[in-house]
Amino acid sequence: MCRKPLIHLASAVVVALGLALVAQISLVWAAEPAPEFYDRLEQMHGHTCGGSLMGARLGFAARRALQEAGATGKVKATYYDHSCPVDGIQLAAGTTYGNRAIEVVDRDEHRLVLTPAEGPRVEARITESALDRVKPSRALAKEARKLPQGSPERAELERQVAAIFDWLRTAPESDVVVVRVLD
C-alpha cells in the first residue's frame, strides 16, 4: 500500500487547520469581535453562558490593553477562578491550555492577568455591576429548563437570559471590565 497519498492528505489537513487558526486569531484580535467569534466560543465551550462570555470580554479587554501598552512576544495568562470564563479567555486572548499559555489558580476571583514576553503586565476584572447583571442568568436558565418546551413561560425566561447575554456581548467595555497596567 502506498502511503504517499495519506501523507499528502495529512499535510493538507495540517495546512488547513493552520490557516483556520490564523483566520481565527485575526478574527479574535480585531477591535471588536465578529459575530462568528461567539459561534466559535459556543462550539468550544459546549453552550453559551454568562461565564464564557465574561471570559471573552476579559480576554479581549486585556489583550487590547497589552497592544496599547506596546507589549510584544508570547503572552501568558493567569486566571483566578476555575470556571467557565477560562474558555472565553483562551479564545479571546489566544492563550490556550494546549500551548501552556494559561494557568488557572482557583481563588474564586474573576481576575485575569496577561503577561507578555516583553512589556507591562495587565490585569482585567469583571465589574461588580456586570456580575450583578449576569448572575440571574444561571437561575433563569435552570428554571426555563424545568418548563415544557414551547411554553410561553419558558419562552419568556429564555428571552430574559438571551437579553442578559446580548448585553454582555455588546455593552461598552467600561461597563463590563476594568483593566489596569500592572508594571
N, C-alpha and C. Protein backbone atom coordinates (compact mmCIF):
# COMPACT_ATOMS: atom_id res chain seq x y z
N MET A 1 0.84 -1.19 0.00
CA MET A 1 0.00 0.00 0.00
C MET A 1 0.88 1.24 0.00
N CYS A 2 0.58 2.18 -0.85
CA CYS A 2 1.33 3.43 -0.94
C CYS A 2 0.86 4.40 0.13
N ARG A 3 1.80 4.92 0.89
CA ARG A 3 1.45 5.83 1.98
C ARG A 3 1.53 7.30 1.56
N LYS A 4 2.06 7.57 0.38
CA LYS A 4 2.21 8.96 -0.05
C LYS A 4 0.89 9.73 -0.08
N PRO A 5 -0.21 9.15 -0.60
CA PRO A 5 -1.47 9.89 -0.58
C PRO A 5 -1.90 10.24 0.85
N LEU A 6 -1.66 9.34 1.79
CA LEU A 6 -2.02 9.62 3.19
C LEU A 6 -1.17 10.75 3.75
N ILE A 7 0.11 10.75 3.42
CA ILE A 7 1.00 11.81 3.89
C ILE A 7 0.56 13.15 3.31
N HIS A 8 0.24 13.17 2.02
CA HIS A 8 -0.21 14.42 1.39
C HIS A 8 -1.54 14.89 2.00
N LEU A 9 -2.43 13.95 2.27
CA LEU A 9 -3.70 14.29 2.90
C LEU A 9 -3.46 14.86 4.29
N ALA A 10 -2.60 14.21 5.05
CA ALA A 10 -2.29 14.70 6.41
C ALA A 10 -1.67 16.09 6.34
N SER A 11 -0.78 16.32 5.40
CA SER A 11 -0.17 17.64 5.24
C SER A 11 -1.21 18.69 4.90
N ALA A 12 -2.14 18.33 4.01
CA ALA A 12 -3.19 19.27 3.62
C ALA A 12 -4.08 19.61 4.81
N VAL A 13 -4.37 18.62 5.64
CA VAL A 13 -5.19 18.87 6.84
C VAL A 13 -4.46 19.81 7.79
N VAL A 14 -3.17 19.57 8.01
CA VAL A 14 -2.38 20.44 8.90
C VAL A 14 -2.36 21.87 8.37
N VAL A 15 -2.15 22.03 7.07
CA VAL A 15 -2.14 23.37 6.47
C VAL A 15 -3.51 24.03 6.64
N ALA A 16 -4.57 23.29 6.36
CA ALA A 16 -5.92 23.85 6.50
C ALA A 16 -6.19 24.26 7.94
N LEU A 17 -5.81 23.43 8.89
CA LEU A 17 -6.01 23.78 10.30
C LEU A 17 -5.19 25.01 10.67
N GLY A 18 -3.97 25.08 10.15
CA GLY A 18 -3.13 26.25 10.43
C GLY A 18 -3.75 27.52 9.87
N LEU A 19 -4.28 27.45 8.65
CA LEU A 19 -4.93 28.62 8.06
C LEU A 19 -6.18 29.00 8.84
N ALA A 20 -6.93 28.00 9.31
CA ALA A 20 -8.11 28.28 10.11
C ALA A 20 -7.72 28.96 11.41
N LEU A 21 -6.60 28.53 12.01
CA LEU A 21 -6.14 29.15 13.26
C LEU A 21 -5.73 30.60 13.01
N VAL A 22 -5.01 30.84 11.92
CA VAL A 22 -4.60 32.21 11.60
C VAL A 22 -5.84 33.07 11.39
N ALA A 23 -6.82 32.56 10.67
CA ALA A 23 -8.05 33.32 10.46
C ALA A 23 -8.74 33.59 11.78
N GLN A 24 -8.74 32.60 12.66
CA GLN A 24 -9.39 32.76 13.96
C GLN A 24 -8.66 33.81 14.79
N ILE A 25 -7.32 33.76 14.81
CA ILE A 25 -6.57 34.72 15.60
C ILE A 25 -6.81 36.13 15.09
N SER A 26 -6.80 36.33 13.77
CA SER A 26 -7.05 37.68 13.25
C SER A 26 -8.48 38.11 13.57
N LEU A 27 -9.40 37.17 13.58
CA LEU A 27 -10.78 37.47 13.93
C LEU A 27 -10.85 37.88 15.40
N VAL A 28 -10.16 37.15 16.25
CA VAL A 28 -10.22 37.39 17.68
C VAL A 28 -9.60 38.72 18.06
N TRP A 29 -8.46 39.10 17.48
CA TRP A 29 -7.77 40.30 17.91
C TRP A 29 -8.17 41.55 17.15
N ALA A 30 -9.26 41.48 16.45
CA ALA A 30 -9.80 42.67 15.80
C ALA A 30 -10.31 43.62 16.89
N ALA A 31 -10.57 44.85 16.52
CA ALA A 31 -11.03 45.84 17.50
C ALA A 31 -12.28 45.38 18.24
N GLU A 32 -13.21 44.85 17.53
CA GLU A 32 -14.44 44.31 18.13
C GLU A 32 -14.63 42.89 17.61
N PRO A 33 -15.10 41.99 18.45
CA PRO A 33 -15.28 40.62 17.98
C PRO A 33 -16.36 40.52 16.91
N ALA A 34 -16.05 39.77 15.88
CA ALA A 34 -17.05 39.49 14.85
C ALA A 34 -18.09 38.54 15.41
N PRO A 35 -19.30 38.56 14.87
CA PRO A 35 -20.33 37.63 15.36
C PRO A 35 -19.89 36.17 15.33
N GLU A 36 -19.05 35.81 14.36
CA GLU A 36 -18.58 34.43 14.27
C GLU A 36 -17.79 34.01 15.50
N PHE A 37 -17.16 34.98 16.16
CA PHE A 37 -16.40 34.66 17.37
C PHE A 37 -17.29 33.96 18.39
N TYR A 38 -18.47 34.49 18.61
CA TYR A 38 -19.35 33.91 19.63
C TYR A 38 -19.87 32.54 19.23
N ASP A 39 -20.00 32.28 17.92
CA ASP A 39 -20.34 30.94 17.46
C ASP A 39 -19.21 29.97 17.80
N ARG A 40 -17.98 30.40 17.57
CA ARG A 40 -16.82 29.55 17.88
C ARG A 40 -16.72 29.31 19.38
N LEU A 41 -17.00 30.32 20.16
CA LEU A 41 -16.96 30.17 21.62
C LEU A 41 -18.00 29.16 22.08
N GLU A 42 -19.20 29.24 21.53
CA GLU A 42 -20.25 28.29 21.90
C GLU A 42 -19.84 26.86 21.51
N GLN A 43 -19.24 26.70 20.34
CA GLN A 43 -18.78 25.37 19.92
C GLN A 43 -17.69 24.85 20.86
N MET A 44 -16.75 25.70 21.18
CA MET A 44 -15.64 25.28 22.04
C MET A 44 -16.12 24.94 23.45
N HIS A 45 -16.98 25.79 23.99
CA HIS A 45 -17.41 25.65 25.39
C HIS A 45 -18.55 24.63 25.55
N GLY A 46 -19.31 24.42 24.49
CA GLY A 46 -20.39 23.45 24.55
C GLY A 46 -21.77 24.07 24.74
N HIS A 47 -21.82 25.31 25.13
CA HIS A 47 -23.08 26.05 25.29
C HIS A 47 -22.71 27.52 25.49
N THR A 48 -23.71 28.38 25.45
CA THR A 48 -23.48 29.79 25.75
C THR A 48 -23.87 30.02 27.19
N CYS A 49 -22.99 30.69 27.92
CA CYS A 49 -23.31 31.04 29.31
C CYS A 49 -22.64 32.36 29.66
N GLY A 50 -23.11 32.95 30.74
CA GLY A 50 -22.55 34.22 31.19
C GLY A 50 -21.06 34.11 31.49
N GLY A 51 -20.64 32.97 32.02
CA GLY A 51 -19.23 32.80 32.36
C GLY A 51 -18.32 32.83 31.15
N SER A 52 -18.65 32.07 30.11
CA SER A 52 -17.79 32.06 28.93
C SER A 52 -17.78 33.43 28.25
N LEU A 53 -18.92 34.12 28.27
CA LEU A 53 -18.97 35.46 27.69
C LEU A 53 -18.15 36.46 28.51
N MET A 54 -18.21 36.33 29.84
CA MET A 54 -17.38 37.21 30.68
C MET A 54 -15.90 36.96 30.40
N GLY A 55 -15.53 35.69 30.24
CA GLY A 55 -14.14 35.38 29.92
C GLY A 55 -13.70 36.00 28.61
N ALA A 56 -14.58 35.95 27.61
CA ALA A 56 -14.26 36.57 26.32
C ALA A 56 -14.05 38.07 26.49
N ARG A 57 -14.93 38.71 27.23
CA ARG A 57 -14.78 40.16 27.43
C ARG A 57 -13.49 40.48 28.19
N LEU A 58 -13.15 39.67 29.19
CA LEU A 58 -11.88 39.86 29.91
C LEU A 58 -10.70 39.70 28.96
N GLY A 59 -10.72 38.63 28.16
CA GLY A 59 -9.62 38.36 27.25
C GLY A 59 -9.43 39.45 26.21
N PHE A 60 -10.54 39.91 25.61
CA PHE A 60 -10.44 40.99 24.62
C PHE A 60 -9.90 42.27 25.24
N ALA A 61 -10.43 42.64 26.39
CA ALA A 61 -10.02 43.90 27.03
C ALA A 61 -8.55 43.84 27.43
N ALA A 62 -8.13 42.74 28.02
CA ALA A 62 -6.73 42.62 28.46
C ALA A 62 -5.78 42.60 27.26
N ARG A 63 -6.16 41.88 26.22
CA ARG A 63 -5.32 41.80 25.03
C ARG A 63 -5.18 43.18 24.37
N ARG A 64 -6.28 43.91 24.32
CA ARG A 64 -6.26 45.25 23.74
C ARG A 64 -5.35 46.17 24.57
N ALA A 65 -5.44 46.05 25.89
CA ALA A 65 -4.59 46.88 26.76
C ALA A 65 -3.11 46.54 26.57
N LEU A 66 -2.80 45.26 26.37
CA LEU A 66 -1.40 44.89 26.10
C LEU A 66 -0.92 45.53 24.81
N GLN A 67 -1.73 45.46 23.78
CA GLN A 67 -1.35 46.05 22.50
C GLN A 67 -1.14 47.56 22.64
N GLU A 68 -2.04 48.22 23.35
CA GLU A 68 -1.92 49.67 23.53
C GLU A 68 -0.68 50.03 24.34
N ALA A 69 -0.26 49.14 25.24
CA ALA A 69 0.93 49.39 26.06
C ALA A 69 2.22 49.02 25.33
N GLY A 70 2.10 48.50 24.11
CA GLY A 70 3.27 48.17 23.31
C GLY A 70 3.93 46.86 23.68
N ALA A 71 3.22 45.99 24.37
CA ALA A 71 3.78 44.69 24.74
C ALA A 71 4.01 43.84 23.50
N THR A 72 5.03 42.99 23.56
CA THR A 72 5.35 42.11 22.43
C THR A 72 5.66 40.70 22.93
N GLY A 73 5.68 39.78 21.99
CA GLY A 73 6.06 38.41 22.29
C GLY A 73 4.90 37.56 22.77
N LYS A 74 5.21 36.33 23.08
CA LYS A 74 4.20 35.38 23.53
C LYS A 74 3.58 35.86 24.84
N VAL A 75 2.28 35.65 24.94
CA VAL A 75 1.53 36.10 26.11
C VAL A 75 1.11 34.90 26.94
N LYS A 76 1.23 35.03 28.24
CA LYS A 76 0.76 34.01 29.17
C LYS A 76 -0.35 34.62 30.03
N ALA A 77 -1.34 33.80 30.31
CA ALA A 77 -2.48 34.26 31.11
C ALA A 77 -2.53 33.53 32.44
N THR A 78 -2.97 34.25 33.45
CA THR A 78 -3.31 33.63 34.73
C THR A 78 -4.71 34.09 35.07
N TYR A 79 -5.59 33.12 35.30
CA TYR A 79 -6.96 33.43 35.69
C TYR A 79 -7.20 32.84 37.06
N TYR A 80 -7.91 33.58 37.90
CA TYR A 80 -8.02 33.23 39.31
C TYR A 80 -9.36 32.62 39.70
N ASP A 81 -9.92 31.79 38.81
CA ASP A 81 -11.13 31.05 39.13
C ASP A 81 -11.24 29.89 38.15
N HIS A 82 -11.46 28.71 38.65
CA HIS A 82 -11.60 27.55 37.78
C HIS A 82 -13.07 27.43 37.38
N SER A 83 -13.45 28.11 36.30
CA SER A 83 -14.85 28.17 35.89
C SER A 83 -14.94 28.50 34.40
N CYS A 84 -16.16 28.67 33.94
CA CYS A 84 -16.45 28.88 32.52
C CYS A 84 -15.68 30.02 31.86
N PRO A 85 -15.35 31.12 32.52
CA PRO A 85 -14.62 32.18 31.83
C PRO A 85 -13.30 31.73 31.21
N VAL A 86 -12.72 30.66 31.72
CA VAL A 86 -11.44 30.18 31.20
C VAL A 86 -11.53 29.93 29.69
N ASP A 87 -12.63 29.34 29.22
CA ASP A 87 -12.76 29.07 27.78
C ASP A 87 -12.85 30.36 26.98
N GLY A 88 -13.60 31.33 27.47
CA GLY A 88 -13.68 32.61 26.78
C GLY A 88 -12.34 33.31 26.72
N ILE A 89 -11.58 33.22 27.80
CA ILE A 89 -10.24 33.83 27.85
C ILE A 89 -9.32 33.16 26.84
N GLN A 90 -9.34 31.84 26.82
CA GLN A 90 -8.45 31.13 25.89
C GLN A 90 -8.68 31.58 24.45
N LEU A 91 -9.94 31.67 24.07
CA LEU A 91 -10.27 32.02 22.70
C LEU A 91 -10.03 33.50 22.40
N ALA A 92 -10.42 34.37 23.31
CA ALA A 92 -10.31 35.81 23.06
C ALA A 92 -8.88 36.33 23.20
N ALA A 93 -8.12 35.78 24.15
CA ALA A 93 -6.76 36.27 24.37
C ALA A 93 -5.73 35.44 23.61
N GLY A 94 -6.14 34.30 23.06
CA GLY A 94 -5.20 33.46 22.33
C GLY A 94 -4.23 32.74 23.24
N THR A 95 -4.63 32.52 24.48
CA THR A 95 -3.77 31.87 25.46
C THR A 95 -4.39 30.52 25.83
N THR A 96 -4.03 29.50 25.08
CA THR A 96 -4.69 28.22 25.29
C THR A 96 -3.91 27.32 26.24
N TYR A 97 -4.65 26.41 26.83
CA TYR A 97 -4.07 25.43 27.74
C TYR A 97 -3.11 24.52 26.98
N GLY A 98 -3.46 24.17 25.77
CA GLY A 98 -2.63 23.27 24.96
C GLY A 98 -1.25 23.82 24.67
N ASN A 99 -1.12 25.14 24.57
CA ASN A 99 0.22 25.70 24.34
C ASN A 99 0.83 26.25 25.62
N ARG A 100 0.27 25.81 26.74
CA ARG A 100 0.77 26.18 28.09
C ARG A 100 0.81 27.68 28.30
N ALA A 101 -0.15 28.36 27.72
CA ALA A 101 -0.18 29.82 27.82
C ALA A 101 -1.25 30.30 28.79
N ILE A 102 -1.86 29.38 29.55
CA ILE A 102 -2.82 29.80 30.57
C ILE A 102 -2.64 28.93 31.81
N GLU A 103 -2.72 29.58 32.93
CA GLU A 103 -2.68 28.90 34.22
C GLU A 103 -3.92 29.33 34.99
N VAL A 104 -4.55 28.38 35.65
CA VAL A 104 -5.72 28.69 36.46
C VAL A 104 -5.35 28.48 37.92
N VAL A 105 -5.53 29.54 38.70
CA VAL A 105 -5.30 29.50 40.14
C VAL A 105 -6.66 29.72 40.78
N ASP A 106 -7.18 28.71 41.44
CA ASP A 106 -8.57 28.75 41.91
C ASP A 106 -8.69 29.53 43.22
N ARG A 107 -8.97 30.84 43.09
CA ARG A 107 -9.15 31.73 44.24
C ARG A 107 -10.53 32.39 44.26
N ASP A 108 -11.42 31.91 43.40
CA ASP A 108 -12.78 32.45 43.33
C ASP A 108 -12.79 33.95 43.04
N GLU A 109 -11.90 34.40 42.14
CA GLU A 109 -11.83 35.81 41.72
C GLU A 109 -11.93 35.86 40.20
N HIS A 110 -12.81 36.69 39.70
CA HIS A 110 -12.89 36.89 38.25
C HIS A 110 -11.84 37.92 37.87
N ARG A 111 -10.59 37.46 37.86
CA ARG A 111 -9.45 38.34 37.60
C ARG A 111 -8.50 37.64 36.64
N LEU A 112 -8.10 38.36 35.61
CA LEU A 112 -7.18 37.86 34.59
C LEU A 112 -5.94 38.72 34.58
N VAL A 113 -4.78 38.09 34.55
CA VAL A 113 -3.52 38.80 34.36
C VAL A 113 -2.86 38.24 33.11
N LEU A 114 -2.55 39.13 32.17
CA LEU A 114 -1.80 38.74 30.97
C LEU A 114 -0.37 39.25 31.12
N THR A 115 0.57 38.34 30.88
CA THR A 115 1.99 38.67 30.99
C THR A 115 2.65 38.43 29.65
N PRO A 116 3.13 39.49 28.99
CA PRO A 116 3.79 39.33 27.69
C PRO A 116 5.27 38.99 27.89
N ALA A 117 5.91 38.51 26.82
CA ALA A 117 7.34 38.24 26.88
C ALA A 117 8.10 39.54 27.17
N GLU A 118 7.63 40.63 26.56
CA GLU A 118 8.25 41.94 26.80
C GLU A 118 7.18 42.99 26.91
N GLY A 119 7.27 43.80 27.95
CA GLY A 119 6.31 44.86 28.17
C GLY A 119 5.57 44.66 29.48
N PRO A 120 4.68 45.58 29.78
CA PRO A 120 3.99 45.52 31.07
C PRO A 120 2.91 44.44 31.11
N ARG A 121 2.65 43.94 32.30
CA ARG A 121 1.53 43.02 32.52
C ARG A 121 0.26 43.86 32.65
N VAL A 122 -0.86 43.26 32.33
CA VAL A 122 -2.14 43.93 32.54
C VAL A 122 -3.07 43.01 33.33
N GLU A 123 -3.96 43.65 34.08
CA GLU A 123 -4.95 42.93 34.86
C GLU A 123 -6.33 43.38 34.39
N ALA A 124 -7.23 42.42 34.24
CA ALA A 124 -8.61 42.73 33.86
C ALA A 124 -9.53 42.05 34.86
N ARG A 125 -10.53 42.79 35.32
CA ARG A 125 -11.53 42.28 36.26
C ARG A 125 -12.92 42.61 35.74
N ILE A 126 -13.86 41.72 36.05
CA ILE A 126 -15.26 41.99 35.74
C ILE A 126 -15.79 42.99 36.77
N THR A 127 -16.53 43.98 36.29
CA THR A 127 -17.09 44.96 37.21
C THR A 127 -18.17 44.32 38.08
N GLU A 128 -18.36 44.86 39.27
CA GLU A 128 -19.41 44.35 40.17
C GLU A 128 -20.78 44.51 39.52
N SER A 129 -20.99 45.62 38.82
CA SER A 129 -22.30 45.82 38.19
C SER A 129 -22.55 44.78 37.09
N ALA A 130 -21.51 44.38 36.36
CA ALA A 130 -21.68 43.34 35.34
C ALA A 130 -21.96 41.99 36.00
N LEU A 131 -21.25 41.68 37.06
CA LEU A 131 -21.52 40.43 37.79
C LEU A 131 -22.96 40.39 38.27
N ASP A 132 -23.42 41.51 38.84
CA ASP A 132 -24.81 41.58 39.33
C ASP A 132 -25.81 41.41 38.20
N ARG A 133 -25.48 41.95 37.05
CA ARG A 133 -26.40 41.87 35.92
C ARG A 133 -26.45 40.47 35.31
N VAL A 134 -25.31 39.76 35.32
CA VAL A 134 -25.21 38.44 34.70
C VAL A 134 -25.67 37.32 35.64
N LYS A 135 -25.47 37.51 36.92
CA LYS A 135 -25.74 36.46 37.91
C LYS A 135 -27.11 35.79 37.76
N PRO A 136 -28.20 36.52 37.55
CA PRO A 136 -29.51 35.86 37.44
C PRO A 136 -29.66 34.92 36.25
N SER A 137 -28.80 35.03 35.26
CA SER A 137 -28.97 34.22 34.05
C SER A 137 -28.92 32.72 34.34
N ARG A 138 -28.09 32.31 35.26
CA ARG A 138 -27.99 30.87 35.57
C ARG A 138 -29.30 30.34 36.16
N ALA A 139 -29.85 31.05 37.14
CA ALA A 139 -31.12 30.61 37.75
C ALA A 139 -32.27 30.67 36.75
N LEU A 140 -32.30 31.72 35.92
CA LEU A 140 -33.35 31.83 34.92
C LEU A 140 -33.29 30.67 33.93
N ALA A 141 -32.08 30.33 33.47
CA ALA A 141 -31.92 29.24 32.52
C ALA A 141 -32.31 27.90 33.16
N LYS A 142 -31.94 27.72 34.40
CA LYS A 142 -32.29 26.48 35.11
C LYS A 142 -33.81 26.35 35.25
N GLU A 143 -34.46 27.45 35.60
CA GLU A 143 -35.92 27.44 35.73
C GLU A 143 -36.59 27.18 34.38
N ALA A 144 -36.03 27.77 33.33
CA ALA A 144 -36.59 27.57 31.99
C ALA A 144 -36.54 26.10 31.58
N ARG A 145 -35.43 25.43 31.89
CA ARG A 145 -35.30 24.02 31.51
C ARG A 145 -36.32 23.12 32.21
N LYS A 146 -36.87 23.56 33.31
CA LYS A 146 -37.88 22.77 34.04
C LYS A 146 -39.25 22.85 33.37
N LEU A 147 -39.45 23.87 32.54
CA LEU A 147 -40.75 24.10 31.92
C LEU A 147 -40.85 23.37 30.59
N PRO A 148 -42.07 23.09 30.15
CA PRO A 148 -42.25 22.39 28.87
C PRO A 148 -41.71 23.21 27.69
N GLN A 149 -41.08 22.49 26.78
CA GLN A 149 -40.58 23.11 25.55
C GLN A 149 -41.74 23.80 24.84
N GLY A 150 -41.54 25.04 24.41
CA GLY A 150 -42.56 25.75 23.67
C GLY A 150 -43.59 26.48 24.53
N SER A 151 -43.52 26.33 25.85
CA SER A 151 -44.49 27.02 26.69
C SER A 151 -44.16 28.51 26.73
N PRO A 152 -45.18 29.36 26.87
CA PRO A 152 -44.94 30.81 26.92
C PRO A 152 -44.05 31.20 28.11
N GLU A 153 -44.19 30.50 29.23
CA GLU A 153 -43.39 30.81 30.41
C GLU A 153 -41.90 30.53 30.15
N ARG A 154 -41.65 29.38 29.50
CA ARG A 154 -40.25 29.04 29.18
C ARG A 154 -39.68 30.04 28.17
N ALA A 155 -40.48 30.38 27.18
CA ALA A 155 -40.03 31.33 26.17
C ALA A 155 -39.67 32.67 26.80
N GLU A 156 -40.45 33.11 27.78
CA GLU A 156 -40.17 34.38 28.46
C GLU A 156 -38.86 34.31 29.25
N LEU A 157 -38.65 33.22 29.95
CA LEU A 157 -37.39 33.07 30.70
C LEU A 157 -36.20 33.00 29.75
N GLU A 158 -36.34 32.28 28.66
CA GLU A 158 -35.26 32.20 27.66
C GLU A 158 -34.99 33.57 27.04
N ARG A 159 -36.02 34.37 26.84
CA ARG A 159 -35.85 35.73 26.31
C ARG A 159 -35.05 36.58 27.30
N GLN A 160 -35.35 36.44 28.59
CA GLN A 160 -34.62 37.19 29.61
C GLN A 160 -33.14 36.81 29.64
N VAL A 161 -32.86 35.51 29.53
CA VAL A 161 -31.47 35.04 29.51
C VAL A 161 -30.76 35.58 28.26
N ALA A 162 -31.42 35.50 27.12
CA ALA A 162 -30.83 35.99 25.87
C ALA A 162 -30.54 37.49 25.96
N ALA A 163 -31.41 38.25 26.61
CA ALA A 163 -31.20 39.69 26.77
C ALA A 163 -29.95 39.96 27.63
N ILE A 164 -29.77 39.17 28.66
CA ILE A 164 -28.57 39.32 29.51
C ILE A 164 -27.32 39.03 28.68
N PHE A 165 -27.35 37.94 27.92
CA PHE A 165 -26.19 37.58 27.12
C PHE A 165 -25.92 38.60 26.02
N ASP A 166 -26.98 39.13 25.40
CA ASP A 166 -26.79 40.17 24.39
C ASP A 166 -26.14 41.40 25.00
N TRP A 167 -26.59 41.77 26.20
CA TRP A 167 -25.97 42.92 26.87
C TRP A 167 -24.49 42.63 27.12
N LEU A 168 -24.17 41.44 27.60
CA LEU A 168 -22.79 41.09 27.92
C LEU A 168 -21.90 41.12 26.68
N ARG A 169 -22.44 40.72 25.53
CA ARG A 169 -21.68 40.75 24.28
C ARG A 169 -21.43 42.18 23.79
N THR A 170 -22.40 43.08 24.01
CA THR A 170 -22.37 44.38 23.33
C THR A 170 -22.18 45.60 24.24
N ALA A 171 -22.24 45.43 25.53
CA ALA A 171 -22.12 46.58 26.44
C ALA A 171 -20.75 47.23 26.27
N PRO A 172 -20.66 48.51 26.52
CA PRO A 172 -19.35 49.17 26.47
C PRO A 172 -18.37 48.48 27.42
N GLU A 173 -17.14 48.39 26.98
CA GLU A 173 -16.12 47.70 27.77
C GLU A 173 -16.07 48.20 29.21
N SER A 174 -16.17 49.50 29.39
CA SER A 174 -16.07 50.06 30.74
C SER A 174 -17.22 49.63 31.66
N ASP A 175 -18.34 49.19 31.09
CA ASP A 175 -19.45 48.67 31.91
C ASP A 175 -19.21 47.23 32.36
N VAL A 176 -18.31 46.54 31.66
CA VAL A 176 -18.12 45.11 31.90
C VAL A 176 -16.77 44.80 32.54
N VAL A 177 -15.74 45.49 32.10
CA VAL A 177 -14.37 45.15 32.51
C VAL A 177 -13.62 46.39 32.97
N VAL A 178 -12.82 46.19 34.01
CA VAL A 178 -11.88 47.22 34.45
C VAL A 178 -10.48 46.67 34.17
N VAL A 179 -9.68 47.43 33.42
CA VAL A 179 -8.34 46.99 33.06
C VAL A 179 -7.33 47.99 33.60
N ARG A 180 -6.23 47.46 34.12
CA ARG A 180 -5.14 48.34 34.55
C ARG A 180 -3.80 47.72 34.20
N VAL A 181 -2.84 48.58 33.91
CA VAL A 181 -1.48 48.14 33.63
C VAL A 181 -0.81 47.96 34.99
N LEU A 182 -0.15 46.81 35.17
CA LEU A 182 0.45 46.50 36.47
C LEU A 182 1.89 46.99 36.57
N ASP A 183 2.67 46.88 35.53
CA ASP A 183 4.07 47.33 35.60
C ASP A 183 4.62 47.65 34.24
